[in-house]
Amino acid sequence: MRLSKIAMAGALTAVLGAWIPAASAQGTGPLKLKWTATLPGYSGDFDHFAVDRARGRLLLAAEDHATLEVFNLDTGKHLRSITGFDAPHTILIRPDAPTILVTDSGKSMSKLLDADTYEKKGSIALIEGADSGGYDAAANIFYVVTGGKDVDMATANLEAINPATGEKLGRVEFKDNHVEAMAIEKGGSRIFINLAQTNKLAVVDRKAMKVIAEWPITPAEQNAMVAFDEVHHRLFVVCRKPGMVVVLNSDTGEVTNTQPAPLRSDELLFDAAASRLYVPGGEGFIGVYDTSDPDHLKEIAKVKSASGAKTGILLPDRKELILAVSPGDTKAVAKVLAYSIQ
């Protein structure tokens, strides 16, 4: 019998402390295992991470468990579980801001939390299905994907909000019921966002809040993740059917080259300074790519991780890559894996 969300959270809290500092290196490649935190009693999927540098915390949205999980950023020790969600997805932590914004795809809506105590300070009434998010720090605008097939809608949206107040600033509707991750242009006004149902990448003018182009992703299907190499005018799009990195010219939408990628990926991590792209796959390994010549993308390593390790966060200044291991519908133990970048 499936445990209730409250019972599951209690069971998890009761067995916390099963965190393991790294005892040995895992291989001699570009990544070395640093520490592991285990979360016994959890089932389902994790979604996105966020880092609170001021407080030395790592936060993880446990979407199926309906909690936020909080860890010590340096050691990986689990600190607490935050309840009160339906299905949390994306966490926005702004430097020096008193609140944290968490998108929630359920009926209880997205939430503003006190950044110190995690007490709920308010709700943001977006269209149901709030999921992926992208932050324009210069303009202080947060863009959130809402609607779609998970809430029985034939269309999805990109909603723009003030992350401090929740004020709605604009909305774009897509004739697509499965909208995934986005990349925000810093030196311009564009947002690139995946329309996975229709197998296109939409280009949105975020000042006008309108779609200005839709580029077909022809080499593969289920385009989900995207990263932007703004210097070289290239977009890296990860598809799931089959697993593939598709490289596009960000000015024209032309496909310039492709590389195989891990299956069941739910994150794409790009280190522009180091010319490295990391694709964590749920099948149990991380694809590592050299992007120094983006028109000749080169896979340089396949680093073993764990089955279900498909979401993560890259911290280039700390030379760390952190993954969440989702047990899915299995009885495997949920984990967080932290790697040092070599």
Protein backbone atom coordinates (compact mmCIF):
# COMPACT_ATOMS: atom_id res chain seq x y z
CA MET A 1 0.00 0.00 0.00
CA ARG A 2 1.32 3.47 -0.89
CA LEU A 3 2.12 5.65 2.11
CA SER A 4 0.43 9.02 2.48
CA LYS A 5 2.60 12.07 1.87
CA ILE A 6 2.69 12.88 5.60
CA ALA A 7 3.59 9.31 6.53
CA MET A 8 6.27 9.19 3.88
CA ALA A 9 7.76 12.45 5.13
CA GLY A 10 7.73 11.13 8.69
CA ALA A 11 9.36 7.87 7.69
CA LEU A 12 12.05 9.77 5.85
CA THR A 13 12.75 12.08 8.77
CA ALA A 14 13.01 9.14 11.14
CA VAL A 15 15.86 7.59 9.23
CA LEU A 16 17.80 10.72 8.31
CA GLY A 17 21.47 10.89 8.96
CA ALA A 18 22.33 8.14 6.50
CA TRP A 19 24.82 10.42 4.80
CA ILE A 20 28.20 9.12 3.78
CA PRO A 21 31.29 11.27 3.22
CA ALA A 22 33.18 10.03 0.17
CA ALA A 23 35.64 7.34 1.10
CA SER A 24 37.32 6.74 -2.22
CA ALA A 25 37.58 8.08 -5.73
CA GLN A 26 35.25 6.71 -8.37
CA GLY A 27 37.47 6.37 -11.40
CA THR A 28 40.12 8.73 -12.69
CA GLY A 29 38.06 10.61 -15.29
CA PRO A 30 36.64 14.14 -15.29
CA LEU A 31 34.46 13.53 -12.21
CA LYS A 32 35.31 11.99 -8.81
CA LEU A 33 32.69 11.02 -6.23
CA LYS A 34 32.98 13.32 -3.21
CA TRP A 35 30.07 12.41 -0.95
CA THR A 36 26.79 10.50 -0.96
CA ALA A 37 23.62 11.27 1.00
CA THR A 38 21.02 8.50 1.21
CA LEU A 39 17.29 9.01 1.74
CA PRO A 40 15.73 5.68 2.78
CA GLY A 41 11.97 5.38 2.54
CA TYR A 42 11.56 7.62 -0.47
CA SER A 43 9.88 6.53 -3.72
CA GLY A 44 9.12 8.52 -6.83
CA ASP A 45 11.03 11.23 -8.67
CA PHE A 46 13.12 14.23 -7.71
CA ASP A 47 13.15 17.38 -9.78
CA HIS A 48 15.45 20.40 -9.52
CA PHE A 49 18.13 21.59 -7.10
CA ALA A 50 18.99 25.09 -5.89
CA VAL A 51 21.88 26.39 -3.80
CA ASP A 52 21.62 28.84 -0.91
CA ARG A 53 25.23 30.00 -0.68
CA ALA A 54 24.61 32.49 2.11
CA ARG A 55 23.33 29.75 4.41
CA GLY A 56 25.49 26.91 3.08
CA ARG A 57 22.48 24.84 2.03
CA LEU A 58 21.51 22.67 -0.91
CA LEU A 59 17.78 22.35 -1.61
CA LEU A 60 16.12 19.61 -3.66
CA ALA A 61 12.53 19.48 -4.89
CA ALA A 62 11.14 16.01 -4.16
CA GLU A 63 8.17 16.28 -6.50
CA ASP A 64 6.53 12.90 -5.85
CA HIS A 65 7.28 13.01 -2.14
CA ALA A 66 5.75 16.52 -1.93
CA THR A 67 8.65 17.97 0.07
CA LEU A 68 11.76 20.10 -0.16
CA GLU A 69 14.85 18.33 1.11
CA VAL A 70 17.57 20.48 2.70
CA PHE A 71 21.24 19.44 2.91
CA ASN A 72 24.49 20.92 4.17
CA LEU A 73 26.20 22.15 1.02
CA ASP A 74 29.70 21.17 2.17
CA THR A 75 29.14 17.76 3.74
CA GLY A 76 25.89 16.51 2.22
CA LYS A 77 24.34 15.92 5.63
CA HIS A 78 20.57 15.96 5.44
CA LEU A 79 19.19 18.77 7.61
CA ARG A 80 15.41 18.66 7.26
CA SER A 81 12.33 18.03 5.10
CA ILE A 82 9.90 20.85 4.34
CA THR A 83 6.27 19.79 3.85
CA GLY A 84 3.19 21.65 2.62
CA PHE A 85 3.52 21.04 -1.13
CA ASP A 86 1.59 19.11 -3.74
CA ALA A 87 4.40 18.64 -6.28
CA PRO A 88 7.36 21.04 -6.04
CA HIS A 89 9.58 21.43 -9.10
CA THR A 90 11.79 24.51 -9.42
CA ILE A 91 13.36 26.50 -6.57
CA LEU A 92 14.42 30.14 -7.02
CA ILE A 93 16.88 31.49 -4.45
CA ARG A 94 17.88 35.13 -5.06
CA PRO A 95 20.96 36.58 -3.32
CA ASP A 96 20.02 38.65 -0.26
CA ALA A 97 16.28 38.10 -0.85
CA PRO A 98 14.17 37.29 2.24
CA THR A 99 12.04 34.73 0.38
CA ILE A 100 12.43 31.61 -1.75
CA LEU A 101 10.03 30.84 -4.58
CA VAL A 102 9.01 27.24 -5.27
CA THR A 103 6.92 26.26 -8.29
CA ASP A 104 4.22 23.73 -7.44
CA SER A 105 2.16 22.01 -10.11
CA GLY A 106 -0.67 21.13 -7.74
CA LYS A 107 -3.85 22.92 -6.74
CA SER A 108 -2.16 24.54 -3.71
CA MET A 109 -0.21 26.75 -6.18
CA SER A 110 3.38 27.95 -6.21
CA LYS A 111 4.75 29.27 -2.94
CA LEU A 112 6.90 31.95 -1.34
CA LEU A 113 8.85 30.70 1.70
CA ASP A 114 10.87 32.53 4.32
CA ALA A 115 14.49 32.02 3.27
CA ASP A 116 15.65 31.39 6.84
CA THR A 117 12.86 29.33 8.37
CA TYR A 118 11.02 27.97 5.26
CA GLU A 119 7.73 29.17 6.74
CA LYS A 120 5.14 29.75 4.05
CA LYS A 121 4.71 33.47 3.39
CA GLY A 122 2.26 33.33 0.50
CA SER A 123 0.97 31.58 -2.64
CA ILE A 124 1.23 32.60 -6.29
CA ALA A 125 -1.93 31.84 -8.25
CA LEU A 126 -0.58 30.76 -11.63
CA ILE A 127 -2.30 28.41 -14.04
CA GLU A 128 -2.09 24.86 -12.66
CA GLY A 129 0.85 22.73 -13.69
CA ALA A 130 3.64 25.17 -12.72
CA ASP A 131 6.89 23.35 -13.38
CA SER A 132 10.12 24.52 -15.05
CA GLY A 133 11.42 28.01 -14.42
CA GLY A 134 14.06 30.45 -15.63
CA TYR A 135 15.27 33.62 -13.95
CA ASP A 136 16.26 36.89 -15.62
CA ALA A 137 18.40 38.33 -12.81
CA ALA A 138 19.02 41.68 -14.54
CA ALA A 139 15.28 42.38 -14.86
CA ASN A 140 14.27 40.43 -11.73
CA ILE A 141 11.66 38.45 -13.65
CA PHE A 142 10.95 34.74 -13.18
CA TYR A 143 9.51 32.75 -16.09
CA VAL A 144 7.44 29.66 -15.28
CA VAL A 145 5.99 26.92 -17.49
CA THR A 146 2.34 26.17 -16.62
CA GLY A 147 -0.53 24.10 -17.98
CA GLY A 148 0.02 21.09 -20.25
CA LYS A 149 -0.93 17.44 -20.30
CA ASP A 150 -0.17 16.75 -16.63
CA VAL A 151 -3.15 18.95 -15.69
CA ASP A 152 -5.30 17.79 -18.64
CA MET A 153 -4.74 20.90 -20.74
CA ALA A 154 -4.17 20.84 -24.51
CA THR A 155 -1.95 23.94 -24.32
CA ALA A 156 0.85 25.17 -22.09
CA ASN A 157 2.07 28.61 -21.11
CA LEU A 158 5.09 30.68 -20.19
CA GLU A 159 4.14 33.05 -17.38
CA ALA A 160 6.29 36.00 -16.28
CA ILE A 161 6.15 37.04 -12.63
CA ASN A 162 7.83 39.28 -10.09
CA PRO A 163 9.52 36.73 -7.79
CA ALA A 164 9.33 38.98 -4.75
CA THR A 165 5.60 39.64 -4.89
CA GLY A 166 4.17 37.04 -7.26
CA GLU A 167 2.73 39.80 -9.46
CA LYS A 168 1.94 38.45 -12.95
CA LEU A 169 3.66 40.44 -15.69
CA GLY A 170 2.71 38.59 -18.87
CA ARG A 171 1.90 35.25 -20.50
CA VAL A 172 2.59 33.38 -23.73
CA GLU A 173 0.46 30.40 -24.79
CA PHE A 174 1.87 27.48 -26.79
CA LYS A 175 -0.18 25.09 -28.92
CA ASP A 176 1.69 22.23 -27.27
CA ASN A 177 0.79 20.18 -24.21
CA HIS A 178 4.32 19.25 -23.15
CA VAL A 179 6.62 22.24 -22.66
CA GLU A 180 9.97 21.56 -21.01
CA ALA A 181 13.14 23.48 -20.08
CA MET A 182 14.23 26.92 -21.28
CA ALA A 183 17.40 28.97 -21.77
CA ILE A 184 17.44 32.74 -21.32
CA GLU A 185 19.60 35.01 -23.45
CA LYS A 186 21.61 37.47 -21.34
CA GLY A 187 22.74 39.77 -24.13
CA GLY A 188 19.33 39.99 -25.78
CA SER A 189 15.63 39.51 -25.19
CA ARG A 190 15.11 35.92 -26.30
CA ILE A 191 14.02 32.81 -24.43
CA PHE A 192 14.53 29.41 -26.08
CA ILE A 193 12.04 26.84 -24.84
CA ASN A 194 11.34 23.21 -25.75
CA LEU A 195 7.95 22.23 -27.17
CA ALA A 196 8.30 18.48 -26.70
CA GLN A 197 4.92 17.37 -28.06
CA THR A 198 5.39 19.07 -31.44
CA ASN A 199 9.17 18.54 -31.46
CA LYS A 200 10.07 22.21 -31.83
CA LEU A 201 12.15 24.83 -30.07
CA ALA A 202 10.18 28.04 -29.60
CA VAL A 203 11.91 31.42 -29.59
CA VAL A 204 10.13 33.96 -27.38
CA ASP A 205 10.75 37.70 -27.27
CA ARG A 206 10.46 38.14 -23.52
CA LYS A 207 10.02 41.91 -23.70
CA ALA A 208 7.05 41.65 -26.03
CA MET A 209 6.02 38.24 -24.58
CA LYS A 210 5.35 36.71 -27.97
CA VAL A 211 6.66 33.78 -30.02
CA ILE A 212 8.90 35.03 -32.84
CA ALA A 213 10.01 31.67 -34.25
CA GLU A 214 9.53 27.91 -33.94
CA TRP A 215 12.41 25.71 -35.06
CA PRO A 216 11.83 21.98 -35.74
CA ILE A 217 14.18 19.54 -34.00
CA THR A 218 14.48 16.98 -36.77
CA PRO A 219 17.26 14.55 -35.71
CA ALA A 220 15.41 13.17 -32.66
CA GLU A 221 12.17 13.40 -30.67
CA GLN A 222 11.11 14.47 -27.17
CA ASN A 223 13.40 17.49 -26.98
CA ALA A 224 13.47 18.33 -23.29
CA MET A 225 16.64 20.09 -22.09
CA VAL A 226 18.41 23.13 -23.52
CA ALA A 227 21.58 25.12 -22.75
CA PHE A 228 22.87 28.23 -24.52
CA ASP A 229 26.46 28.92 -25.54
CA GLU A 230 25.89 32.61 -26.10
CA VAL A 231 29.47 33.39 -27.13
CA HIS A 232 29.41 30.89 -30.00
CA HIS A 233 25.72 31.38 -30.87
CA ARG A 234 24.94 27.71 -30.32
CA LEU A 235 22.12 25.90 -28.51
CA PHE A 236 22.53 22.42 -27.05
CA VAL A 237 19.21 20.55 -27.03
CA VAL A 238 18.94 17.12 -25.40
CA CYS A 239 16.32 14.75 -26.79
CA ARG A 240 15.08 11.52 -25.21
CA LYS A 241 14.04 9.48 -28.27
CA PRO A 242 16.73 8.47 -28.91
CA GLY A 243 19.11 10.02 -26.40
CA MET A 244 20.87 12.76 -28.35
CA VAL A 245 22.49 16.19 -28.03
CA VAL A 246 21.39 18.32 -30.98
CA VAL A 247 23.39 21.50 -31.65
CA LEU A 248 21.58 24.44 -33.27
CA ASN A 249 22.67 27.82 -34.58
CA SER A 250 20.91 30.24 -32.21
CA ASP A 251 20.46 32.84 -34.96
CA THR A 252 18.88 30.61 -37.59
CA GLY A 253 17.75 27.38 -35.90
CA GLU A 254 19.90 25.33 -38.28
CA VAL A 255 21.09 21.99 -36.89
CA THR A 256 24.91 21.98 -37.08
CA ASN A 257 25.78 18.59 -35.53
CA THR A 258 24.65 15.89 -33.08
CA GLN A 259 26.07 13.44 -30.57
CA PRO A 260 24.54 10.43 -28.77
CA ALA A 261 23.46 11.15 -25.19
CA PRO A 262 22.35 9.12 -22.15
CA LEU A 263 18.73 8.02 -22.04
CA ARG A 264 16.12 9.38 -19.63
CA SER A 265 17.94 12.65 -18.99
CA ASP A 266 16.09 15.39 -17.13
CA GLU A 267 18.88 17.98 -16.82
CA LEU A 268 21.56 19.61 -18.98
CA LEU A 269 24.52 21.25 -17.24
CA PHE A 270 26.78 23.63 -19.19
CA ASP A 271 30.07 25.11 -17.97
CA ALA A 272 30.86 27.80 -20.55
CA ALA A 273 34.20 28.78 -18.99
CA ALA A 274 35.49 25.20 -19.09
CA SER A 275 33.81 24.31 -22.42
CA ARG A 276 32.12 21.29 -20.82
CA LEU A 277 28.62 19.93 -21.16
CA TYR A 278 27.27 17.31 -18.73
CA VAL A 279 24.20 15.16 -19.48
CA PRO A 280 23.09 12.97 -16.55
CA GLY A 281 21.06 9.98 -17.69
CA GLY A 282 18.60 7.89 -15.75
CA GLU A 283 20.16 4.76 -17.25
CA GLY A 284 23.13 5.23 -14.91
CA PHE A 285 25.86 7.36 -16.44
CA ILE A 286 26.81 10.98 -17.15
CA GLY A 287 27.79 11.98 -20.66
CA VAL A 288 30.63 14.53 -20.63
CA TYR A 289 31.27 16.60 -23.77
CA ASP A 290 33.91 19.04 -24.97
CA THR A 291 32.20 22.13 -26.45
CA SER A 292 35.35 24.10 -27.37
CA ASP A 293 34.31 23.63 -31.01
CA PRO A 294 30.53 23.52 -30.73
CA ASP A 295 30.11 22.52 -34.37
CA HIS A 296 32.16 19.41 -33.66
CA LEU A 297 30.79 18.44 -30.25
CA LYS A 298 32.94 15.68 -28.77
CA GLU A 299 32.02 13.14 -26.11
CA ILE A 300 35.07 12.75 -23.87
CA ALA A 301 33.77 10.47 -21.09
CA LYS A 302 30.93 8.34 -19.79
CA VAL A 303 31.02 8.56 -16.00
CA LYS A 304 29.15 5.87 -14.09
CA SER A 305 26.54 7.27 -11.70
CA ALA A 306 23.41 5.33 -10.67
CA SER A 307 20.13 4.25 -12.17
CA GLY A 308 17.68 7.15 -11.84
CA ALA A 309 20.38 9.85 -11.55
CA LYS A 310 18.80 12.15 -14.12
CA THR A 311 18.59 15.58 -12.46
CA GLY A 312 21.39 17.69 -11.05
CA ILE A 313 23.10 21.02 -10.54
CA LEU A 314 26.50 22.32 -11.64
CA LEU A 315 28.52 24.59 -9.33
CA PRO A 316 31.52 25.65 -11.45
CA ASP A 317 33.00 27.99 -8.81
CA ARG A 318 33.14 25.07 -6.37
CA LYS A 319 34.16 22.60 -9.09
CA GLU A 320 31.22 20.39 -8.13
CA LEU A 321 28.46 18.54 -9.91
CA ILE A 322 25.60 17.17 -7.79
CA LEU A 323 23.00 14.61 -8.89
CA ALA A 324 19.72 13.38 -7.44
CA VAL A 325 19.10 9.64 -7.75
CA SER A 326 15.36 9.07 -8.13
CA PRO A 327 14.13 5.58 -7.23
CA GLY A 328 11.09 6.06 -9.48
CA ASP A 329 8.61 3.25 -8.90
CA THR A 330 11.28 0.86 -7.65
CA LYS A 331 12.36 0.18 -4.08
CA ALA A 332 15.89 1.45 -4.70
CA VAL A 333 17.25 3.86 -2.10
CA ALA A 334 17.08 7.51 -3.10
CA LYS A 335 20.42 9.32 -3.01
CA VAL A 336 22.24 12.55 -3.68
CA LEU A 337 25.68 12.13 -5.28
CA ALA A 338 28.26 14.94 -5.22
CA TYR A 339 31.23 14.86 -7.61
CA SER A 340 34.33 17.02 -7.71
CA ILE A 341 35.25 18.20 -11.19
CA GLN A 342 38.80 17.18 -12.08
